Amino acid sequence: MSKIRFLLDANLSPETAIFLRAHGYSVKSLIEEGMGAIDDEAVARIAEKERRIIVTFDLDFGEIYYFARDKKFCVIVLRLDDQRVESVNIILQHFLHFTKNKNLGKELFIVREKEIRIIQ
């Protein structure tokens, strides 16, 4: 079982949560938890408290991360032209392969179809 723990923002499908769980990851989906309406700051607090990596399409999380004094959580911002579940799952699978030997902690990842930027 992987130590990576994800927190899927409300803009990601529960199908992506199922996909990641099938690959051995711990996943909390805001939609599945009935928490789709909570604000971004609350999402960041959950991620910090539960040591989860936020996965989102929301660019605001990039700003929240960037301007935070203490980087206490990790964010993956997906900047995809094709946001269908199948495409998202493939891109996340590639991302996880790219980072499989890295210790994900307190970075901001901007993930595009053919590019991954890392901001620390």
N, C-alpha and C. Protein backbone atom coordinates (compact mmCIF):
# COMPACT_ATOMS: atom_id res chain seq x y z
N MET A 1 0.84 -1.18 0.00
CA MET A 1 0.00 0.00 0.00
C MET A 1 0.89 1.25 0.00
N SER A 2 0.53 2.20 -0.82
CA SER A 2 1.30 3.43 -0.93
C SER A 2 1.08 4.33 0.28
N LYS A 3 2.11 5.11 0.63
CA LYS A 3 1.98 6.08 1.71
C LYS A 3 1.35 7.38 1.22
N ILE A 4 1.26 7.56 -0.09
CA ILE A 4 0.67 8.78 -0.64
C ILE A 4 -0.82 8.79 -0.35
N ARG A 5 -1.27 9.94 0.17
CA ARG A 5 -2.68 10.11 0.52
C ARG A 5 -3.20 11.34 -0.22
N PHE A 6 -4.27 11.14 -0.96
CA PHE A 6 -4.82 12.22 -1.79
C PHE A 6 -6.10 12.79 -1.19
N LEU A 7 -6.33 14.07 -1.49
CA LEU A 7 -7.57 14.76 -1.20
C LEU A 7 -8.05 15.34 -2.52
N LEU A 8 -9.11 14.76 -3.08
CA LEU A 8 -9.62 15.23 -4.36
C LEU A 8 -10.59 16.37 -4.13
N ASP A 9 -10.29 17.49 -4.75
CA ASP A 9 -11.15 18.66 -4.68
C ASP A 9 -12.51 18.32 -5.31
N ALA A 10 -13.49 19.17 -5.06
CA ALA A 10 -14.85 18.92 -5.53
C ALA A 10 -14.97 18.96 -7.05
N ASN A 11 -13.95 19.47 -7.74
CA ASN A 11 -14.03 19.53 -9.19
C ASN A 11 -13.48 18.28 -9.87
N LEU A 12 -13.12 17.28 -9.10
CA LEU A 12 -12.69 15.99 -9.65
C LEU A 12 -13.75 14.94 -9.40
N SER A 13 -13.91 14.07 -10.37
CA SER A 13 -14.93 13.03 -10.32
C SER A 13 -14.60 11.97 -9.26
N PRO A 14 -15.62 11.46 -8.58
CA PRO A 14 -15.40 10.30 -7.70
C PRO A 14 -14.82 9.10 -8.46
N GLU A 15 -15.01 9.06 -9.77
CA GLU A 15 -14.42 7.98 -10.57
C GLU A 15 -12.89 8.01 -10.50
N THR A 16 -12.33 9.21 -10.36
CA THR A 16 -10.88 9.32 -10.21
C THR A 16 -10.47 8.79 -8.84
N ALA A 17 -11.28 9.01 -7.83
CA ALA A 17 -11.00 8.45 -6.50
C ALA A 17 -10.98 6.93 -6.58
N ILE A 18 -11.94 6.35 -7.27
CA ILE A 18 -12.01 4.89 -7.43
C ILE A 18 -10.78 4.39 -8.17
N PHE A 19 -10.39 5.10 -9.22
CA PHE A 19 -9.20 4.73 -10.01
C PHE A 19 -7.95 4.72 -9.13
N LEU A 20 -7.75 5.77 -8.35
CA LEU A 20 -6.56 5.86 -7.50
C LEU A 20 -6.58 4.80 -6.40
N ARG A 21 -7.73 4.55 -5.83
CA ARG A 21 -7.84 3.50 -4.80
C ARG A 21 -7.49 2.13 -5.39
N ALA A 22 -7.92 1.90 -6.63
CA ALA A 22 -7.63 0.62 -7.28
C ALA A 22 -6.14 0.42 -7.48
N HIS A 23 -5.39 1.54 -7.47
CA HIS A 23 -3.93 1.47 -7.60
C HIS A 23 -3.24 1.55 -6.23
N GLY A 24 -4.00 1.41 -5.16
CA GLY A 24 -3.42 1.29 -3.83
C GLY A 24 -3.25 2.57 -3.05
N TYR A 25 -3.85 3.67 -3.50
CA TYR A 25 -3.68 4.94 -2.82
C TYR A 25 -4.84 5.22 -1.88
N SER A 26 -4.55 5.90 -0.79
CA SER A 26 -5.58 6.38 0.12
C SER A 26 -6.15 7.67 -0.49
N VAL A 27 -7.46 7.71 -0.67
CA VAL A 27 -8.08 8.86 -1.33
C VAL A 27 -9.31 9.30 -0.56
N LYS A 28 -9.38 10.61 -0.31
CA LYS A 28 -10.58 11.22 0.25
C LYS A 28 -11.13 12.16 -0.82
N SER A 29 -12.35 11.91 -1.22
CA SER A 29 -13.00 12.72 -2.25
C SER A 29 -14.01 13.64 -1.57
N LEU A 30 -13.87 14.95 -1.79
CA LEU A 30 -14.80 15.89 -1.17
C LEU A 30 -16.23 15.63 -1.63
N ILE A 31 -16.41 15.23 -2.88
CA ILE A 31 -17.75 14.92 -3.38
C ILE A 31 -18.33 13.71 -2.63
N GLU A 32 -17.55 12.65 -2.53
CA GLU A 32 -18.02 11.45 -1.83
C GLU A 32 -18.32 11.73 -0.36
N GLU A 33 -17.58 12.65 0.23
CA GLU A 33 -17.75 12.96 1.65
C GLU A 33 -18.87 13.98 1.88
N GLY A 34 -19.50 14.46 0.81
CA GLY A 34 -20.55 15.47 0.94
C GLY A 34 -20.02 16.83 1.35
N MET A 35 -18.75 17.10 1.00
CA MET A 35 -18.09 18.34 1.39
C MET A 35 -17.77 19.22 0.19
N GLY A 36 -18.52 19.08 -0.88
CA GLY A 36 -18.22 19.80 -2.11
C GLY A 36 -18.33 21.30 -2.03
N ALA A 37 -19.02 21.81 -1.02
CA ALA A 37 -19.24 23.25 -0.93
C ALA A 37 -18.27 23.97 0.02
N ILE A 38 -17.33 23.25 0.64
CA ILE A 38 -16.43 23.94 1.58
C ILE A 38 -15.44 24.82 0.81
N ASP A 39 -14.96 25.85 1.48
CA ASP A 39 -14.07 26.80 0.80
C ASP A 39 -12.64 26.26 0.72
N ASP A 40 -11.86 26.91 -0.12
CA ASP A 40 -10.50 26.45 -0.40
C ASP A 40 -9.61 26.41 0.84
N GLU A 41 -9.77 27.39 1.71
CA GLU A 41 -8.96 27.42 2.94
C GLU A 41 -9.27 26.20 3.81
N ALA A 42 -10.53 25.81 3.87
CA ALA A 42 -10.92 24.62 4.65
C ALA A 42 -10.32 23.36 4.02
N VAL A 43 -10.30 23.31 2.70
CA VAL A 43 -9.69 22.17 2.01
C VAL A 43 -8.21 22.09 2.36
N ALA A 44 -7.53 23.23 2.33
CA ALA A 44 -6.10 23.26 2.67
C ALA A 44 -5.87 22.82 4.11
N ARG A 45 -6.74 23.21 5.03
CA ARG A 45 -6.61 22.79 6.43
C ARG A 45 -6.77 21.27 6.56
N ILE A 46 -7.73 20.70 5.83
CA ILE A 46 -7.91 19.24 5.87
C ILE A 46 -6.66 18.55 5.34
N ALA A 47 -6.14 19.05 4.23
CA ALA A 47 -4.94 18.45 3.64
C ALA A 47 -3.77 18.49 4.62
N GLU A 48 -3.61 19.62 5.27
CA GLU A 48 -2.52 19.76 6.25
C GLU A 48 -2.73 18.81 7.43
N LYS A 49 -3.92 18.81 7.98
CA LYS A 49 -4.21 17.99 9.17
C LYS A 49 -4.06 16.50 8.87
N GLU A 50 -4.57 16.07 7.70
CA GLU A 50 -4.57 14.64 7.38
C GLU A 50 -3.37 14.22 6.52
N ARG A 51 -2.48 15.17 6.28
CA ARG A 51 -1.29 14.92 5.45
C ARG A 51 -1.66 14.31 4.11
N ARG A 52 -2.55 15.01 3.42
CA ARG A 52 -3.01 14.58 2.11
C ARG A 52 -2.55 15.57 1.05
N ILE A 53 -2.41 15.08 -0.15
CA ILE A 53 -2.03 15.90 -1.30
C ILE A 53 -3.31 16.33 -2.00
N ILE A 54 -3.50 17.63 -2.13
CA ILE A 54 -4.68 18.15 -2.82
C ILE A 54 -4.50 17.95 -4.32
N VAL A 55 -5.53 17.40 -4.97
CA VAL A 55 -5.57 17.30 -6.43
C VAL A 55 -6.76 18.12 -6.89
N THR A 56 -6.51 19.06 -7.81
CA THR A 56 -7.55 20.01 -8.17
C THR A 56 -7.34 20.58 -9.57
N PHE A 57 -8.40 21.14 -10.12
CA PHE A 57 -8.30 21.96 -11.33
C PHE A 57 -8.27 23.44 -10.96
N ASP A 58 -8.50 23.76 -9.71
CA ASP A 58 -8.68 25.13 -9.22
C ASP A 58 -7.33 25.84 -9.06
N LEU A 59 -7.12 26.86 -9.87
CA LEU A 59 -5.86 27.62 -9.83
C LEU A 59 -5.66 28.36 -8.51
N ASP A 60 -6.75 28.61 -7.79
CA ASP A 60 -6.63 29.31 -6.51
C ASP A 60 -5.73 28.57 -5.53
N PHE A 61 -5.68 27.24 -5.63
CA PHE A 61 -4.82 26.48 -4.71
C PHE A 61 -3.35 26.76 -4.97
N GLY A 62 -3.00 27.07 -6.21
CA GLY A 62 -1.64 27.47 -6.51
C GLY A 62 -1.28 28.75 -5.76
N GLU A 63 -2.22 29.69 -5.75
CA GLU A 63 -1.99 30.94 -5.03
C GLU A 63 -1.96 30.73 -3.52
N ILE A 64 -2.89 29.91 -3.02
CA ILE A 64 -2.90 29.62 -1.57
C ILE A 64 -1.56 29.02 -1.16
N TYR A 65 -1.08 28.07 -1.94
CA TYR A 65 0.21 27.44 -1.65
C TYR A 65 1.33 28.47 -1.74
N TYR A 66 1.36 29.21 -2.84
CA TYR A 66 2.46 30.14 -3.10
C TYR A 66 2.58 31.20 -2.01
N PHE A 67 1.46 31.70 -1.53
CA PHE A 67 1.49 32.78 -0.55
C PHE A 67 1.48 32.31 0.90
N ALA A 68 1.39 31.00 1.12
CA ALA A 68 1.42 30.48 2.49
C ALA A 68 2.82 30.67 3.07
N ARG A 69 2.88 31.14 4.29
CA ARG A 69 4.18 31.32 4.96
C ARG A 69 4.88 29.99 5.14
N ASP A 70 4.18 29.08 5.76
CA ASP A 70 4.71 27.74 5.99
C ASP A 70 4.05 26.80 4.99
N LYS A 71 4.85 26.18 4.18
CA LYS A 71 4.33 25.22 3.20
C LYS A 71 4.07 23.91 3.93
N LYS A 72 2.83 23.69 4.34
CA LYS A 72 2.49 22.54 5.16
C LYS A 72 1.65 21.51 4.42
N PHE A 73 1.48 21.70 3.13
CA PHE A 73 0.70 20.75 2.35
C PHE A 73 1.23 20.74 0.92
N CYS A 74 0.82 19.72 0.17
CA CYS A 74 1.25 19.54 -1.21
C CYS A 74 0.02 19.70 -2.10
N VAL A 75 0.21 20.29 -3.28
CA VAL A 75 -0.89 20.51 -4.21
C VAL A 75 -0.50 20.06 -5.61
N ILE A 76 -1.40 19.36 -6.26
CA ILE A 76 -1.27 19.05 -7.68
C ILE A 76 -2.39 19.81 -8.39
N VAL A 77 -2.01 20.81 -9.17
CA VAL A 77 -2.98 21.57 -9.96
C VAL A 77 -2.93 21.02 -11.38
N LEU A 78 -4.06 20.49 -11.81
CA LEU A 78 -4.16 19.93 -13.16
C LEU A 78 -4.58 21.02 -14.14
N ARG A 79 -3.75 21.28 -15.12
CA ARG A 79 -4.04 22.27 -16.18
C ARG A 79 -4.19 21.51 -17.48
N LEU A 80 -5.29 20.82 -17.65
CA LEU A 80 -5.48 19.92 -18.77
C LEU A 80 -6.51 20.48 -19.75
N ASP A 81 -6.21 20.35 -21.03
CA ASP A 81 -7.19 20.72 -22.05
C ASP A 81 -8.35 19.74 -22.04
N ASP A 82 -8.06 18.47 -21.85
CA ASP A 82 -9.07 17.42 -21.81
C ASP A 82 -9.28 17.02 -20.35
N GLN A 83 -10.40 17.43 -19.77
CA GLN A 83 -10.66 17.17 -18.36
C GLN A 83 -11.63 16.00 -18.14
N ARG A 84 -11.82 15.19 -19.17
CA ARG A 84 -12.64 13.99 -18.98
C ARG A 84 -11.95 13.06 -18.00
N VAL A 85 -12.74 12.27 -17.29
CA VAL A 85 -12.22 11.37 -16.25
C VAL A 85 -11.10 10.49 -16.79
N GLU A 86 -11.30 9.92 -17.96
CA GLU A 86 -10.30 9.02 -18.53
C GLU A 86 -8.97 9.72 -18.72
N SER A 87 -9.01 10.94 -19.23
CA SER A 87 -7.79 11.72 -19.46
C SER A 87 -7.11 12.07 -18.13
N VAL A 88 -7.91 12.51 -17.17
CA VAL A 88 -7.37 12.85 -15.85
C VAL A 88 -6.67 11.65 -15.24
N ASN A 89 -7.30 10.49 -15.32
CA ASN A 89 -6.72 9.28 -14.73
C ASN A 89 -5.41 8.90 -15.41
N ILE A 90 -5.35 9.02 -16.72
CA ILE A 90 -4.10 8.72 -17.45
C ILE A 90 -3.00 9.69 -17.04
N ILE A 91 -3.32 10.98 -16.97
CA ILE A 91 -2.32 11.98 -16.59
C ILE A 91 -1.84 11.74 -15.16
N LEU A 92 -2.75 11.43 -14.25
CA LEU A 92 -2.33 11.14 -12.87
C LEU A 92 -1.47 9.89 -12.81
N GLN A 93 -1.79 8.90 -13.61
CA GLN A 93 -0.97 7.69 -13.66
C GLN A 93 0.45 8.02 -14.13
N HIS A 94 0.57 8.87 -15.16
CA HIS A 94 1.89 9.30 -15.63
C HIS A 94 2.61 10.11 -14.55
N PHE A 95 1.89 10.99 -13.87
CA PHE A 95 2.48 11.78 -12.80
C PHE A 95 3.02 10.88 -11.70
N LEU A 96 2.25 9.89 -11.31
CA LEU A 96 2.68 8.98 -10.24
C LEU A 96 3.87 8.15 -10.67
N HIS A 97 3.93 7.78 -11.92
CA HIS A 97 5.11 7.07 -12.43
C HIS A 97 6.34 7.99 -12.38
N PHE A 98 6.15 9.25 -12.78
CA PHE A 98 7.23 10.24 -12.78
C PHE A 98 7.77 10.47 -11.36
N THR A 99 6.89 10.44 -10.37
CA THR A 99 7.27 10.77 -8.99
C THR A 99 7.44 9.54 -8.10
N LYS A 100 7.42 8.34 -8.67
CA LYS A 100 7.38 7.14 -7.83
C LYS A 100 8.57 6.97 -6.89
N ASN A 101 9.72 7.49 -7.22
CA ASN A 101 10.88 7.38 -6.34
C ASN A 101 11.17 8.68 -5.59
N LYS A 102 10.22 9.58 -5.62
CA LYS A 102 10.39 10.87 -4.94
C LYS A 102 9.50 10.90 -3.70
N ASN A 103 9.95 11.60 -2.69
CA ASN A 103 9.18 11.77 -1.48
C ASN A 103 8.34 13.04 -1.63
N LEU A 104 7.06 12.86 -1.95
CA LEU A 104 6.18 14.02 -2.11
C LEU A 104 5.88 14.59 -0.74
N GLY A 105 6.03 15.89 -0.61
CA GLY A 105 5.83 16.48 0.70
C GLY A 105 5.11 17.80 0.67
N LYS A 106 5.84 18.84 0.32
CA LYS A 106 5.27 20.17 0.43
C LYS A 106 5.52 20.98 -0.85
N GLU A 107 5.31 20.33 -1.99
CA GLU A 107 5.54 20.99 -3.26
C GLU A 107 4.20 21.39 -3.89
N LEU A 108 4.31 22.27 -4.86
CA LEU A 108 3.20 22.60 -5.75
C LEU A 108 3.57 22.07 -7.11
N PHE A 109 2.73 21.19 -7.65
CA PHE A 109 2.94 20.63 -8.97
C PHE A 109 1.90 21.21 -9.92
N ILE A 110 2.36 21.75 -11.03
CA ILE A 110 1.48 22.19 -12.09
C ILE A 110 1.61 21.13 -13.18
N VAL A 111 0.55 20.39 -13.41
CA VAL A 111 0.61 19.24 -14.32
C VAL A 111 -0.21 19.53 -15.56
N ARG A 112 0.48 19.45 -16.69
CA ARG A 112 -0.16 19.58 -18.01
C ARG A 112 -0.01 18.24 -18.73
N GLU A 113 -0.61 18.14 -19.90
CA GLU A 113 -0.54 16.89 -20.65
C GLU A 113 0.90 16.44 -20.89
N LYS A 114 1.80 17.38 -21.18
CA LYS A 114 3.18 17.00 -21.52
C LYS A 114 4.22 17.72 -20.68
N GLU A 115 3.83 18.20 -19.53
CA GLU A 115 4.77 18.96 -18.70
C GLU A 115 4.37 18.89 -17.24
N ILE A 116 5.38 18.81 -16.38
CA ILE A 116 5.18 18.90 -14.94
C ILE A 116 6.12 19.94 -14.40
N ARG A 117 5.57 20.99 -13.80
CA ARG A 117 6.39 22.01 -13.14
C ARG A 117 6.31 21.78 -11.64
N ILE A 118 7.46 21.91 -10.98
CA ILE A 118 7.51 21.74 -9.54
C ILE A 118 7.94 23.06 -8.91
N ILE A 119 7.15 23.53 -7.96
CA ILE A 119 7.46 24.76 -7.24
C ILE A 119 7.58 24.42 -5.78
N GLN A 120 8.70 24.83 -5.17
CA GLN A 120 8.91 24.54 -3.74
C GLN A 120 9.04 25.81 -2.96
